[in-house]
Structures are given as C-alpha cells and as structure tokens.
Amino acid sequence: MSMNTTDTASAATATATAAVPAWYELALCAQTGPGFFFPEPGSSLRDAKRLCGACEGRKPCLDYALANDERFGVWGGLSEAERQALRRRP
C-alpha cells in the first residue's frame, strides 16, 4: 500500500495534533521558539524560567514533564537538575 505525499502530510499533522497536551494551548512557550526552553549547555535559563513563572500552564506542564520523564529543557519552570531533584524526594 502506498500513500501520496498529501496523505502522508495529513496523517502526520493529525498525529501531531492528537499528541499536543490540552494545557499547551494556554502555554506561553507555544508562542516562542524551542531554543528558548532548550538552550545550549551552559546558557542561562533565567528568561525561560521567568516566562514559565507567568504562565497559566506551568503546573500541568511540570506534571507532564515529570510523568513523561522529560530530561531536557525547561518544563514547568524547572531545569533538568531541578526536576531530577524533585523526583528523588520521598
């Protein structure tokens, strides 16, 4: 069975749309580029964390990151190391 390019693109879009969590529509990060929340190693996370602090989706974003073991980037206002420390708490 073969699919033409249009069918393939439509299927990919449908899959991507279905995979987007509900809180993401409220999230301020949806209005910025991914480089802002996934900076180069050693770069400052201050601006990303500040934006997260003002975001209505911060708590569900953090819950999502913890539930899905997101290991990179700023999620819910926390860095990788901060999320890892949170997971270790009893």
N, C-alpha and C. Protein backbone atom coordinates (compact mmCIF):
# COMPACT_ATOMS: atom_id res chain seq x y z
N MET A 1 0.84 -1.17 0.00
CA MET A 1 0.00 0.00 0.00
C MET A 1 0.89 1.23 0.00
N SER A 2 0.61 2.17 -0.89
CA SER A 2 1.39 3.39 -0.91
C SER A 2 0.49 4.58 -0.63
N MET A 3 1.10 5.61 -0.07
CA MET A 3 0.36 6.83 0.22
C MET A 3 1.02 7.96 -0.54
N ASN A 4 0.22 8.86 -1.07
CA ASN A 4 0.85 10.01 -1.72
C ASN A 4 1.30 10.99 -0.66
N THR A 5 2.04 12.00 -1.07
CA THR A 5 2.62 12.96 -0.13
C THR A 5 1.55 13.70 0.66
N THR A 6 0.45 14.04 0.04
CA THR A 6 -0.62 14.76 0.72
C THR A 6 -1.21 13.92 1.85
N ASP A 7 -1.45 12.63 1.57
CA ASP A 7 -1.98 11.74 2.60
C ASP A 7 -1.00 11.59 3.75
N THR A 8 0.27 11.48 3.45
CA THR A 8 1.30 11.34 4.48
C THR A 8 1.37 12.59 5.34
N ALA A 9 1.33 13.77 4.73
CA ALA A 9 1.38 15.02 5.47
C ALA A 9 0.15 15.17 6.35
N SER A 10 -1.02 14.81 5.84
CA SER A 10 -2.26 14.90 6.62
C SER A 10 -2.21 13.96 7.81
N ALA A 11 -1.71 12.77 7.63
CA ALA A 11 -1.60 11.80 8.72
C ALA A 11 -0.62 12.31 9.79
N ALA A 12 0.48 12.88 9.36
CA ALA A 12 1.46 13.41 10.31
C ALA A 12 0.88 14.57 11.10
N THR A 13 0.13 15.44 10.45
CA THR A 13 -0.49 16.57 11.13
C THR A 13 -1.52 16.08 12.13
N ALA A 14 -2.32 15.12 11.77
CA ALA A 14 -3.33 14.57 12.67
C ALA A 14 -2.67 13.93 13.89
N THR A 15 -1.59 13.21 13.68
CA THR A 15 -0.88 12.58 14.79
C THR A 15 -0.27 13.64 15.71
N ALA A 16 0.35 14.66 15.14
CA ALA A 16 0.96 15.72 15.94
C ALA A 16 -0.09 16.47 16.73
N THR A 17 -1.24 16.75 16.13
CA THR A 17 -2.30 17.46 16.81
C THR A 17 -2.84 16.64 17.97
N ALA A 18 -3.01 15.36 17.77
CA ALA A 18 -3.52 14.49 18.82
C ALA A 18 -2.52 14.37 19.97
N ALA A 19 -1.25 14.53 19.71
CA ALA A 19 -0.22 14.38 20.73
C ALA A 19 0.00 15.63 21.57
N VAL A 20 -0.58 16.76 21.19
CA VAL A 20 -0.39 18.01 21.92
C VAL A 20 -1.28 18.01 23.16
N PRO A 21 -0.68 18.15 24.35
CA PRO A 21 -1.48 18.16 25.58
C PRO A 21 -2.41 19.39 25.62
N ALA A 22 -3.53 19.28 26.30
CA ALA A 22 -4.52 20.36 26.38
C ALA A 22 -3.93 21.64 26.97
N TRP A 23 -3.05 21.53 27.96
CA TRP A 23 -2.50 22.71 28.61
C TRP A 23 -1.62 23.53 27.67
N TYR A 24 -1.13 22.90 26.62
CA TYR A 24 -0.19 23.58 25.72
C TYR A 24 -0.82 24.78 25.02
N GLU A 25 -2.12 24.73 24.82
CA GLU A 25 -2.80 25.86 24.17
C GLU A 25 -2.75 27.11 25.04
N LEU A 26 -2.67 26.96 26.35
CA LEU A 26 -2.57 28.10 27.27
C LEU A 26 -1.14 28.54 27.49
N ALA A 27 -0.20 27.69 27.13
CA ALA A 27 1.21 27.89 27.48
C ALA A 27 1.86 29.04 26.72
N LEU A 28 2.61 29.84 27.44
CA LEU A 28 3.37 30.92 26.82
C LEU A 28 4.48 30.39 25.94
N CYS A 29 4.98 29.20 26.24
CA CYS A 29 6.07 28.62 25.44
C CYS A 29 5.61 28.31 24.02
N ALA A 30 4.32 28.16 23.82
CA ALA A 30 3.79 27.88 22.49
C ALA A 30 3.99 29.09 21.57
N GLN A 31 4.25 30.25 22.16
CA GLN A 31 4.44 31.47 21.40
C GLN A 31 5.90 31.83 21.17
N THR A 32 6.80 30.98 21.65
CA THR A 32 8.23 31.22 21.50
C THR A 32 8.88 30.04 20.79
N GLY A 33 10.11 30.20 20.39
CA GLY A 33 10.83 29.12 19.73
C GLY A 33 11.36 28.12 20.73
N PRO A 34 11.60 26.89 20.31
CA PRO A 34 12.09 25.86 21.22
C PRO A 34 13.48 26.17 21.78
N GLY A 35 14.28 26.93 21.08
CA GLY A 35 15.61 27.27 21.56
C GLY A 35 15.59 28.02 22.87
N PHE A 36 14.49 28.69 23.13
CA PHE A 36 14.32 29.46 24.36
C PHE A 36 14.26 28.52 25.57
N PHE A 37 13.62 27.37 25.42
CA PHE A 37 13.45 26.42 26.51
C PHE A 37 14.41 25.24 26.45
N PHE A 38 15.15 25.15 25.36
CA PHE A 38 16.15 24.10 25.19
C PHE A 38 17.46 24.78 24.77
N PRO A 39 18.02 25.60 25.67
CA PRO A 39 19.23 26.36 25.31
C PRO A 39 20.47 25.47 25.23
N GLU A 40 21.49 26.02 24.64
CA GLU A 40 22.78 25.32 24.57
C GLU A 40 23.30 25.08 25.98
N PRO A 41 24.04 24.00 26.20
CA PRO A 41 24.61 23.73 27.52
C PRO A 41 25.41 24.93 28.03
N GLY A 42 25.20 25.26 29.29
CA GLY A 42 25.90 26.38 29.91
C GLY A 42 25.22 27.72 29.74
N SER A 43 24.17 27.77 28.90
CA SER A 43 23.43 29.01 28.70
C SER A 43 22.50 29.27 29.89
N SER A 44 22.11 30.51 30.05
CA SER A 44 21.22 30.88 31.14
C SER A 44 19.79 30.40 30.89
N LEU A 45 19.17 29.95 31.94
CA LEU A 45 17.78 29.51 31.89
C LEU A 45 16.84 30.56 32.50
N ARG A 46 17.42 31.66 32.94
CA ARG A 46 16.68 32.69 33.67
C ARG A 46 15.46 33.20 32.91
N ASP A 47 15.61 33.54 31.64
CA ASP A 47 14.49 34.09 30.88
C ASP A 47 13.39 33.06 30.67
N ALA A 48 13.77 31.83 30.40
CA ALA A 48 12.77 30.77 30.22
C ALA A 48 12.01 30.55 31.53
N LYS A 49 12.71 30.53 32.64
CA LYS A 49 12.07 30.33 33.93
C LYS A 49 11.15 31.50 34.27
N ARG A 50 11.55 32.70 33.92
CA ARG A 50 10.72 33.87 34.16
C ARG A 50 9.41 33.78 33.37
N LEU A 51 9.51 33.37 32.12
CA LEU A 51 8.32 33.21 31.29
C LEU A 51 7.41 32.12 31.88
N CYS A 52 8.00 31.03 32.32
CA CYS A 52 7.22 29.95 32.94
C CYS A 52 6.49 30.45 34.19
N GLY A 53 7.15 31.30 34.95
CA GLY A 53 6.55 31.81 36.18
C GLY A 53 5.28 32.61 35.93
N ALA A 54 5.14 33.17 34.74
CA ALA A 54 3.96 33.97 34.39
C ALA A 54 2.92 33.16 33.62
N CYS A 55 3.16 31.89 33.44
CA CYS A 55 2.34 31.06 32.56
C CYS A 55 1.23 30.32 33.31
N GLU A 56 0.01 30.34 32.75
CA GLU A 56 -1.12 29.62 33.32
C GLU A 56 -0.93 28.10 33.23
N GLY A 57 -0.13 27.65 32.28
CA GLY A 57 0.06 26.22 32.08
C GLY A 57 1.24 25.64 32.84
N ARG A 58 1.84 26.40 33.72
CA ARG A 58 3.06 25.97 34.40
C ARG A 58 2.88 24.65 35.17
N LYS A 59 1.87 24.54 36.00
CA LYS A 59 1.67 23.34 36.82
C LYS A 59 1.39 22.10 35.96
N PRO A 60 0.44 22.16 35.02
CA PRO A 60 0.24 20.97 34.19
C PRO A 60 1.45 20.64 33.32
N CYS A 61 2.21 21.65 32.94
CA CYS A 61 3.44 21.42 32.17
C CYS A 61 4.44 20.64 33.01
N LEU A 62 4.62 21.06 34.25
CA LEU A 62 5.54 20.36 35.14
C LEU A 62 5.06 18.93 35.40
N ASP A 63 3.77 18.78 35.63
CA ASP A 63 3.21 17.43 35.84
C ASP A 63 3.47 16.55 34.62
N TYR A 64 3.28 17.11 33.44
CA TYR A 64 3.53 16.38 32.19
C TYR A 64 5.00 15.95 32.10
N ALA A 65 5.90 16.89 32.39
CA ALA A 65 7.34 16.60 32.31
C ALA A 65 7.74 15.50 33.28
N LEU A 66 7.19 15.54 34.48
CA LEU A 66 7.53 14.53 35.48
C LEU A 66 6.93 13.17 35.10
N ALA A 67 5.71 13.17 34.62
CA ALA A 67 5.04 11.92 34.24
C ALA A 67 5.67 11.27 33.03
N ASN A 68 6.25 12.09 32.15
CA ASN A 68 6.82 11.58 30.90
C ASN A 68 8.35 11.55 30.92
N ASP A 69 8.92 11.77 32.09
CA ASP A 69 10.37 11.72 32.28
C ASP A 69 11.13 12.58 31.27
N GLU A 70 10.64 13.82 31.08
CA GLU A 70 11.33 14.76 30.20
C GLU A 70 12.68 15.10 30.83
N ARG A 71 13.74 14.84 30.13
CA ARG A 71 15.07 15.02 30.71
C ARG A 71 15.80 16.25 30.22
N PHE A 72 15.28 16.93 29.22
CA PHE A 72 15.98 18.08 28.66
C PHE A 72 15.08 19.29 28.65
N GLY A 73 15.69 20.46 28.79
CA GLY A 73 14.98 21.71 28.68
C GLY A 73 14.29 22.14 29.96
N VAL A 74 13.66 23.31 29.88
CA VAL A 74 12.89 23.87 30.99
C VAL A 74 11.43 23.45 30.80
N TRP A 75 10.88 22.84 31.81
CA TRP A 75 9.48 22.40 31.81
C TRP A 75 8.86 22.83 33.13
N GLY A 76 7.74 23.51 33.08
CA GLY A 76 7.06 23.92 34.30
C GLY A 76 7.91 24.82 35.17
N GLY A 77 8.84 25.52 34.57
CA GLY A 77 9.70 26.45 35.30
C GLY A 77 10.91 25.82 35.95
N LEU A 78 11.12 24.53 35.74
CA LEU A 78 12.26 23.85 36.35
C LEU A 78 13.23 23.32 35.31
N SER A 79 14.50 23.35 35.66
CA SER A 79 15.55 22.81 34.80
C SER A 79 15.60 21.29 34.94
N GLU A 80 16.45 20.67 34.14
CA GLU A 80 16.62 19.22 34.22
C GLU A 80 17.02 18.80 35.62
N ALA A 81 18.02 19.49 36.18
CA ALA A 81 18.53 19.14 37.51
C ALA A 81 17.47 19.35 38.59
N GLU A 82 16.68 20.41 38.47
CA GLU A 82 15.63 20.66 39.46
C GLU A 82 14.53 19.60 39.40
N ARG A 83 14.18 19.17 38.19
CA ARG A 83 13.17 18.11 38.07
C ARG A 83 13.71 16.79 38.61
N GLN A 84 14.98 16.53 38.35
CA GLN A 84 15.59 15.30 38.85
C GLN A 84 15.59 15.30 40.38
N ALA A 85 15.93 16.44 40.99
CA ALA A 85 15.93 16.53 42.45
C ALA A 85 14.51 16.36 43.00
N LEU A 86 13.53 16.88 42.31
CA LEU A 86 12.13 16.75 42.72
C LEU A 86 11.69 15.29 42.68
N ARG A 87 12.13 14.56 41.66
CA ARG A 87 11.80 13.14 41.55
C ARG A 87 12.40 12.32 42.70
N ARG A 88 13.55 12.74 43.18
CA ARG A 88 14.24 12.00 44.24
C ARG A 88 13.62 12.18 45.61
N ARG A 89 12.82 13.23 45.77
CA ARG A 89 12.21 13.49 47.07
C ARG A 89 11.27 12.36 47.46
N PRO A 90 11.28 12.01 48.77
CA PRO A 90 10.39 10.94 49.22
C PRO A 90 8.94 11.38 49.27
